[in-house]
Amino acid sequence: MSLSIANGRRLSVDPAALPRHVAIIMDGNRRWAKERGLPAIEGHRRGMIALRHVTRAASNLGIGVLTVYGFSRENWNRDAREISLL
């Protein structure tokens, strides 16, 4: 199996070497936006877009289980509008 990476190169991948379960902790979307002078919600939106790419890639690679941790107890301390948009 081969796959294409961001710079356009193709890599050979042994399917037996791929994990069956991948877990992702969504962290840093607000920081990413702040560093670029963007509103927090834009960071969350871009994180969602990135997650869509990851879910497609995981499916295409045959990764059977994808766990995403996207909201912690501390997140409840955020502005109510931001929480509702998440």
Protein backbone atom coordinates (compact mmCIF):
# COMPACT_ATOMS: atom_id res chain seq x y z
CA MET A 1 0.00 0.00 0.00
CA SER A 2 1.23 3.52 -0.65
CA LEU A 3 -0.06 6.85 0.53
CA SER A 4 0.50 10.45 -0.42
CA ILE A 5 1.72 12.91 2.20
CA ALA A 6 1.36 16.70 2.38
CA ASN A 7 4.40 17.51 0.25
CA GLY A 8 3.14 15.29 -2.57
CA ARG A 9 5.56 12.42 -1.96
CA ARG A 10 4.28 8.87 -1.87
CA LEU A 11 5.30 6.49 0.88
CA SER A 12 5.08 2.72 0.93
CA VAL A 13 3.25 1.46 3.98
CA ASP A 14 2.94 -2.09 5.23
CA PRO A 15 -0.74 -2.46 6.19
CA ALA A 16 0.25 -4.88 8.97
CA ALA A 17 2.27 -2.09 10.59
CA LEU A 18 -0.69 0.28 10.84
CA PRO A 19 -2.53 0.59 14.15
CA ARG A 20 -6.08 -0.71 14.46
CA HIS A 21 -7.03 2.04 16.92
CA VAL A 22 -5.92 5.68 16.92
CA ALA A 23 -6.83 8.17 19.66
CA ILE A 24 -6.67 11.93 19.19
CA ILE A 25 -6.81 14.66 21.83
CA MET A 26 -8.07 17.87 20.26
CA ASP A 27 -6.01 20.59 21.92
CA GLY A 28 -4.71 23.99 20.93
CA ASN A 29 -7.33 25.22 18.47
CA ARG A 30 -7.95 28.43 20.46
CA ARG A 31 -4.20 29.02 20.88
CA TRP A 32 -3.66 28.46 17.17
CA ALA A 33 -6.31 31.08 16.36
CA LYS A 34 -5.03 33.56 18.94
CA GLU A 35 -1.47 33.34 17.58
CA ARG A 36 -2.87 34.33 14.18
CA GLY A 37 -5.12 37.11 15.44
CA LEU A 38 -8.26 35.11 14.68
CA PRO A 39 -11.33 34.52 16.87
CA ALA A 40 -11.38 31.32 18.91
CA ILE A 41 -14.25 29.91 16.87
CA GLU A 42 -12.08 30.05 13.75
CA GLY A 43 -9.54 27.83 15.49
CA HIS A 44 -12.30 25.38 16.33
CA ARG A 45 -13.57 25.49 12.74
CA ARG A 46 -10.11 24.75 11.37
CA GLY A 47 -9.71 21.94 13.90
CA MET A 48 -12.97 20.44 12.64
CA ILE A 49 -11.71 20.61 9.05
CA ALA A 50 -8.46 18.92 10.06
CA LEU A 51 -10.43 16.22 11.89
CA ARG A 52 -12.46 15.53 8.75
CA HIS A 53 -9.21 14.97 6.84
CA VAL A 54 -7.96 12.65 9.58
CA THR A 55 -11.17 10.60 9.63
CA ARG A 56 -11.06 10.15 5.86
CA ALA A 57 -7.40 9.17 5.97
CA ALA A 58 -8.00 6.71 8.81
CA SER A 59 -10.84 5.13 6.88
CA ASN A 60 -8.80 4.93 3.67
CA LEU A 61 -5.96 3.27 5.58
CA GLY A 62 -8.27 0.70 7.14
CA ILE A 63 -7.90 1.97 10.70
CA GLY A 64 -10.98 0.48 12.32
CA VAL A 65 -11.32 2.60 15.45
CA LEU A 66 -10.76 6.33 15.84
CA THR A 67 -11.33 7.86 19.28
CA VAL A 68 -11.52 11.65 19.51
CA TYR A 69 -11.38 13.48 22.83
CA GLY A 70 -12.64 16.98 22.12
CA PHE A 71 -14.11 18.44 25.32
CA SER A 72 -12.85 18.34 28.90
CA ARG A 73 -14.42 19.33 32.20
CA GLU A 74 -12.35 22.52 32.14
CA ASN A 75 -14.04 23.50 28.87
CA TRP A 76 -17.28 24.08 30.79
CA ASN A 77 -15.61 27.20 32.25
CA ARG A 78 -15.54 28.86 28.82
CA ASP A 79 -17.96 31.45 27.53
CA ALA A 80 -21.44 29.95 26.99
CA ARG A 81 -21.47 31.03 23.33
CA GLU A 82 -18.16 29.28 22.64
CA ILE A 83 -19.43 26.12 24.34
CA SER A 84 -22.62 26.16 22.25
CA LEU A 85 -20.58 26.50 19.04
CA LEU A 86 -18.42 23.54 19.97
